[in-house]
Amino acid sequence: MCDTCGCNITPGNEHLVRAQGKLAVTESGREAVTVLKSLLSENDRQAQHNRGHFDQHGVLAINLMSSPGSGKTALLEATIEALKDSGLSIAVVEGDLETENDAERIRAHGIPAIQITTGSACHLDAHMVHDALHQLDLDTIDILFIENVGNLVCPASFDLGHHHN
């Protein structure tokens, strides 16, 4: 699925990315580690910037992660209904590989939902979330739910600037 973290390499397809017994994209282990550390450190810098936005505007940001089809969107819908009379303002950032279906479900509840279509990336990163933040008026939001792409491994590696998972 993802060229960023290599989670698309499985026993069934690794022959497609191997060259002389080494992964073609990471022939030099040292370079691969350096690139990954650089990628994650840049993401962490952006995540800290995002957290600053959230804190400055008093927004509680929660990152929802789980496998595809596990009920993340249904949980959000139930939470929206449970909080509808609380006086809290909610918004959602939706991550999905290719569709806007979940964002449309959230919008049907009258909640602003910004769609991030990741294409081949199986997780959101802090830069994607930052771009979405600029489409929201953070001064009017109390809780921002970030529904990450359905995946059990990769989303946990990327800090988005959220306060809780």
C-alpha atoms as a PDB file:
ATOM      1  CA  MET A   1       0.000   0.000   0.000  1.00  0.00           C
ATOM      2  CA  CYS A   2       2.550   2.586   1.056  1.00  0.00           C
ATOM      3  CA  ASP A   3       5.826   3.622  -0.493  1.00  0.00           C
ATOM      4  CA  THR A   4       6.620   5.877   2.480  1.00  0.00           C
ATOM      5  CA  CYS A   5       7.119   3.221   5.129  1.00  0.00           C
ATOM      6  CA  GLY A   6       7.439   0.063   3.032  1.00  0.00           C
ATOM      7  CA  CYS A   7       4.355  -1.667   4.402  1.00  0.00           C
ATOM      8  CA  ASN A   8       3.481  -2.660   0.857  1.00  0.00           C
ATOM      9  CA  ILE A   9       6.303  -5.233   0.869  1.00  0.00           C
ATOM     10  CA  THR A  10       4.843  -8.629   1.767  1.00  0.00           C
ATOM     11  CA  PRO A  11       6.033 -12.211   1.324  1.00  0.00           C
ATOM     12  CA  GLY A  12       3.746 -12.414  -1.706  1.00  0.00           C
ATOM     13  CA  ASN A  13       5.214  -9.436  -3.549  1.00  0.00           C
ATOM     14  CA  GLU A  14       8.729  -8.954  -2.203  1.00  0.00           C
ATOM     15  CA  HIS A  15      10.208 -10.554  -5.323  1.00  0.00           C
ATOM     16  CA  LEU A  16       9.063  -7.443  -7.192  1.00  0.00           C
ATOM     17  CA  VAL A  17      11.254  -5.144  -5.113  1.00  0.00           C
ATOM     18  CA  ARG A  18      14.297  -7.323  -4.482  1.00  0.00           C
ATOM     19  CA  ALA A  19      17.568  -7.015  -6.348  1.00  0.00           C
ATOM     20  CA  GLN A  20      20.351  -9.550  -5.641  1.00  0.00           C
ATOM     21  CA  GLY A  21      18.807 -10.484  -2.311  1.00  0.00           C
ATOM     22  CA  LYS A  22      18.421  -6.894  -1.080  1.00  0.00           C
ATOM     23  CA  LEU A  23      15.393  -4.674  -1.234  1.00  0.00           C
ATOM     24  CA  ALA A  24      15.876  -2.599  -4.366  1.00  0.00           C
ATOM     25  CA  VAL A  25      14.624   0.575  -2.709  1.00  0.00           C
ATOM     26  CA  THR A  26      16.909   0.147   0.316  1.00  0.00           C
ATOM     27  CA  GLU A  27      20.095  -1.392  -1.037  1.00  0.00           C
ATOM     28  CA  SER A  28      22.166   0.504   1.479  1.00  0.00           C
ATOM     29  CA  GLY A  29      20.790  -0.042   4.963  1.00  0.00           C
ATOM     30  CA  ARG A  30      22.531   3.076   6.201  1.00  0.00           C
ATOM     31  CA  GLU A  31      20.878   5.258   3.577  1.00  0.00           C
ATOM     32  CA  ALA A  32      17.486   3.699   4.252  1.00  0.00           C
ATOM     33  CA  VAL A  33      17.745   4.396   7.978  1.00  0.00           C
ATOM     34  CA  THR A  34      18.955   7.935   7.327  1.00  0.00           C
ATOM     35  CA  VAL A  35      16.080   8.634   4.966  1.00  0.00           C
ATOM     36  CA  LEU A  36      13.504   7.154   7.357  1.00  0.00           C
ATOM     37  CA  LYS A  37      14.894   9.109  10.322  1.00  0.00           C
ATOM     38  CA  SER A  38      14.857  12.275   8.234  1.00  0.00           C
ATOM     39  CA  LEU A  39      11.297  11.601   7.104  1.00  0.00           C
ATOM     40  CA  LEU A  40      10.058  10.974  10.645  1.00  0.00           C
ATOM     41  CA  SER A  41      11.936  13.934  12.124  1.00  0.00           C
ATOM     42  CA  GLU A  42      10.439  16.269   9.508  1.00  0.00           C
ATOM     43  CA  ASN A  43       7.011  14.811  10.257  1.00  0.00           C
ATOM     44  CA  ASP A  44       7.609  15.312  13.991  1.00  0.00           C
ATOM     45  CA  ARG A  45       8.493  18.981  13.406  1.00  0.00           C
ATOM     46  CA  GLN A  46       5.261  19.473  11.479  1.00  0.00           C
ATOM     47  CA  ALA A  47       3.294  17.581  14.147  1.00  0.00           C
ATOM     48  CA  GLN A  48       4.635  19.929  16.814  1.00  0.00           C
ATOM     49  CA  HIS A  49       3.534  22.861  14.655  1.00  0.00           C
ATOM     50  CA  ASN A  50       0.051  21.309  14.328  1.00  0.00           C
ATOM     51  CA  ARG A  51      -0.113  20.796  18.099  1.00  0.00           C
ATOM     52  CA  GLY A  52       0.701  24.477  18.493  1.00  0.00           C
ATOM     53  CA  HIS A  53      -2.283  25.333  16.274  1.00  0.00           C
ATOM     54  CA  PHE A  54      -4.551  23.076  18.335  1.00  0.00           C
ATOM     55  CA  ASP A  55      -3.326  24.453  21.652  1.00  0.00           C
ATOM     56  CA  GLN A  56      -3.491  28.082  20.523  1.00  0.00           C
ATOM     57  CA  HIS A  57      -7.128  27.647  19.490  1.00  0.00           C
ATOM     58  CA  GLY A  58      -8.179  25.394  22.381  1.00  0.00           C
ATOM     59  CA  VAL A  59      -8.910  22.406  20.137  1.00  0.00           C
ATOM     60  CA  LEU A  60      -8.720  18.859  21.517  1.00  0.00           C
ATOM     61  CA  ALA A  61      -7.409  16.678  18.657  1.00  0.00           C
ATOM     62  CA  ILE A  62      -8.052  12.926  18.734  1.00  0.00           C
ATOM     63  CA  ASN A  63      -6.558  10.480  16.203  1.00  0.00           C
ATOM     64  CA  LEU A  64      -8.764   7.436  15.510  1.00  0.00           C
ATOM     65  CA  MET A  65      -6.856   4.417  14.218  1.00  0.00           C
ATOM     66  CA  SER A  66      -7.991   0.890  13.460  1.00  0.00           C
ATOM     67  CA  SER A  67      -8.250  -1.638  10.660  1.00  0.00           C
ATOM     68  CA  PRO A  68     -10.394  -1.115   7.556  1.00  0.00           C
ATOM     69  CA  GLY A  69     -14.069  -1.765   8.233  1.00  0.00           C
ATOM     70  CA  SER A  70     -13.639  -1.900  12.010  1.00  0.00           C
ATOM     71  CA  GLY A  71     -16.217   0.815  12.704  1.00  0.00           C
ATOM     72  CA  LYS A  72     -14.199   4.025  13.033  1.00  0.00           C
ATOM     73  CA  THR A  73     -16.781   6.042  11.126  1.00  0.00           C
ATOM     74  CA  ALA A  74     -19.690   4.381  12.954  1.00  0.00           C
ATOM     75  CA  LEU A  75     -18.007   5.268  16.265  1.00  0.00           C
ATOM     76  CA  LEU A  76     -17.652   8.869  15.089  1.00  0.00           C
ATOM     77  CA  GLU A  77     -21.312   8.985  14.078  1.00  0.00           C
ATOM     78  CA  ALA A  78     -22.376   7.641  17.482  1.00  0.00           C
ATOM     79  CA  THR A  79     -20.082  10.128  19.242  1.00  0.00           C
ATOM     80  CA  ILE A  80     -21.502  13.001  17.205  1.00  0.00           C
ATOM     81  CA  GLU A  81     -25.024  11.970  18.184  1.00  0.00           C
ATOM     82  CA  ALA A  82     -24.057  11.558  21.852  1.00  0.00           C
ATOM     83  CA  LEU A  83     -22.477  15.033  21.937  1.00  0.00           C
ATOM     84  CA  LYS A  84     -25.034  16.898  19.818  1.00  0.00           C
ATOM     85  CA  ASP A  85     -26.673  18.605  22.827  1.00  0.00           C
ATOM     86  CA  SER A  86     -23.433  19.159  24.760  1.00  0.00           C
ATOM     87  CA  GLY A  87     -22.642  22.550  23.266  1.00  0.00           C
ATOM     88  CA  LEU A  88     -19.302  21.239  21.967  1.00  0.00           C
ATOM     89  CA  SER A  89     -18.370  22.022  18.394  1.00  0.00           C
ATOM     90  CA  ILE A  90     -16.942  19.069  16.453  1.00  0.00           C
ATOM     91  CA  ALA A  91     -15.086  18.785  13.157  1.00  0.00           C
ATOM     92  CA  VAL A  92     -13.528  15.792  11.429  1.00  0.00           C
ATOM     93  CA  VAL A  93     -10.530  15.223   9.184  1.00  0.00           C
ATOM     94  CA  GLU A  94     -11.083  12.032   7.182  1.00  0.00           C
ATOM     95  CA  GLY A  95      -8.232   9.976   5.740  1.00  0.00           C
ATOM     96  CA  ASP A  96      -8.982   7.449   3.016  1.00  0.00           C
ATOM     97  CA  LEU A  97      -7.048   5.846   0.194  1.00  0.00           C
ATOM     98  CA  GLU A  98      -9.480   6.853  -2.526  1.00  0.00           C
ATOM     99  CA  THR A  99     -13.074   7.685  -1.557  1.00  0.00           C
ATOM    100  CA  GLU A 100     -14.941  10.461   0.197  1.00  0.00           C
ATOM    101  CA  ASN A 101     -17.650   8.105   1.506  1.00  0.00           C
ATOM    102  CA  ASP A 102     -16.822   8.486   5.207  1.00  0.00           C
ATOM    103  CA  ALA A 103     -16.578  12.275   4.979  1.00  0.00           C
ATOM    104  CA  GLU A 104     -20.005  12.349   3.326  1.00  0.00           C
ATOM    105  CA  ARG A 105     -21.435  10.239   6.163  1.00  0.00           C
ATOM    106  CA  ILE A 106     -20.059  12.725   8.715  1.00  0.00           C
ATOM    107  CA  ARG A 107     -21.314  15.740   6.756  1.00  0.00           C
ATOM    108  CA  ALA A 108     -24.803  14.191   6.740  1.00  0.00           C
ATOM    109  CA  HIS A 109     -24.784  14.833  10.524  1.00  0.00           C
ATOM    110  CA  GLY A 110     -24.116  18.537   9.933  1.00  0.00           C
ATOM    111  CA  ILE A 111     -20.465  18.271  10.967  1.00  0.00           C
ATOM    112  CA  PRO A 112     -17.667  19.822   8.877  1.00  0.00           C
ATOM    113  CA  ALA A 113     -15.467  17.074   7.447  1.00  0.00           C
ATOM    114  CA  ILE A 114     -12.298  17.651   5.440  1.00  0.00           C
ATOM    115  CA  GLN A 115     -11.312  14.749   3.197  1.00  0.00           C
ATOM    116  CA  ILE A 116      -7.675  13.762   2.717  1.00  0.00           C
ATOM    117  CA  THR A 117      -7.346  11.253  -0.109  1.00  0.00           C
ATOM    118  CA  THR A 118      -3.974   9.587   0.374  1.00  0.00           C
ATOM    119  CA  GLY A 119      -3.740   7.542  -2.817  1.00  0.00           C
ATOM    120  CA  SER A 120      -1.060   4.931  -2.128  1.00  0.00           C
ATOM    121  CA  ALA A 121      -0.191   6.095   1.411  1.00  0.00           C
ATOM    122  CA  CYS A 122      -1.782   3.883   4.075  1.00  0.00           C
ATOM    123  CA  HIS A 123      -1.613   6.543   6.792  1.00  0.00           C
ATOM    124  CA  LEU A 124      -1.953  10.256   7.314  1.00  0.00           C
ATOM    125  CA  ASP A 125       1.074  12.363   8.107  1.00  0.00           C
ATOM    126  CA  ALA A 126       1.408  15.704   9.858  1.00  0.00           C
ATOM    127  CA  HIS A 127       1.798  17.659   6.607  1.00  0.00           C
ATOM    128  CA  MET A 128      -1.479  16.294   5.238  1.00  0.00           C
ATOM    129  CA  VAL A 129      -3.279  17.198   8.455  1.00  0.00           C
ATOM    130  CA  HIS A 130      -1.732  20.671   8.441  1.00  0.00           C
ATOM    131  CA  ASP A 131      -3.099  21.322   4.960  1.00  0.00           C
ATOM    132  CA  ALA A 132      -6.558  20.224   6.142  1.00  0.00           C
ATOM    133  CA  LEU A 133      -6.389  22.521   9.183  1.00  0.00           C
ATOM    134  CA  HIS A 134      -6.231  25.534   6.901  1.00  0.00           C
ATOM    135  CA  GLN A 135      -9.666  24.601   5.570  1.00  0.00           C
ATOM    136  CA  LEU A 136     -11.206  24.820   9.061  1.00  0.00           C
ATOM    137  CA  ASP A 137     -11.906  27.736  11.384  1.00  0.00           C
ATOM    138  CA  LEU A 138     -10.148  26.378  14.472  1.00  0.00           C
ATOM    139  CA  ASP A 139     -11.598  29.164  16.626  1.00  0.00           C
ATOM    140  CA  THR A 140     -15.027  27.543  16.235  1.00  0.00           C
ATOM    141  CA  ILE A 141     -13.975  23.953  17.037  1.00  0.00           C
ATOM    142  CA  ASP A 142     -13.743  22.296  20.449  1.00  0.00           C
ATOM    143  CA  ILE A 143     -12.929  18.733  19.346  1.00  0.00           C
ATOM    144  CA  LEU A 144     -11.261  17.654  16.112  1.00  0.00           C
ATOM    145  CA  PHE A 145     -11.442  13.969  15.300  1.00  0.00           C
ATOM    146  CA  ILE A 146      -8.858  12.739  12.808  1.00  0.00           C
ATOM    147  CA  GLU A 147     -10.039   9.465  11.288  1.00  0.00           C
ATOM    148  CA  ASN A 148      -6.855   7.902  10.008  1.00  0.00           C
ATOM    149  CA  VAL A 149      -6.662   5.540   7.047  1.00  0.00           C
ATOM    150  CA  GLY A 150      -7.755   2.010   7.937  1.00  0.00           C
ATOM    151  CA  ASN A 151      -4.521   0.272   8.903  1.00  0.00           C
ATOM    152  CA  LEU A 152      -3.220  -1.275  12.111  1.00  0.00           C
ATOM    153  CA  VAL A 153       0.498  -0.541  11.832  1.00  0.00           C
ATOM    154  CA  CYS A 154       1.613   2.531   9.908  1.00  0.00           C
ATOM    155  CA  PRO A 155      -0.674   5.228  11.364  1.00  0.00           C
ATOM    156  CA  ALA A 156       0.827   4.672  14.819  1.00  0.00           C
ATOM    157  CA  SER A 157       4.290   5.632  13.525  1.00  0.00           C
ATOM    158  CA  PHE A 158       3.284   9.130  12.440  1.00  0.00           C
ATOM    159  CA  ASP A 159       2.576  11.867  14.982  1.00  0.00           C
ATOM    160  CA  LEU A 160      -0.078  14.182  13.569  1.00  0.00           C
ATOM    161  CA  GLY A 161       0.042  16.721  16.381  1.00  0.00           C
ATOM    162  CA  HIS A 162      -2.980  15.188  18.087  1.00  0.00           C
ATOM    163  CA  HIS A 163      -3.420  15.032  21.852  1.00  0.00           C
ATOM    164  CA  HIS A 164      -4.806  11.490  22.145  1.00  0.00           C
ATOM    165  CA  ASN A 165      -5.115   8.296  20.101  1.00  0.00           C
END
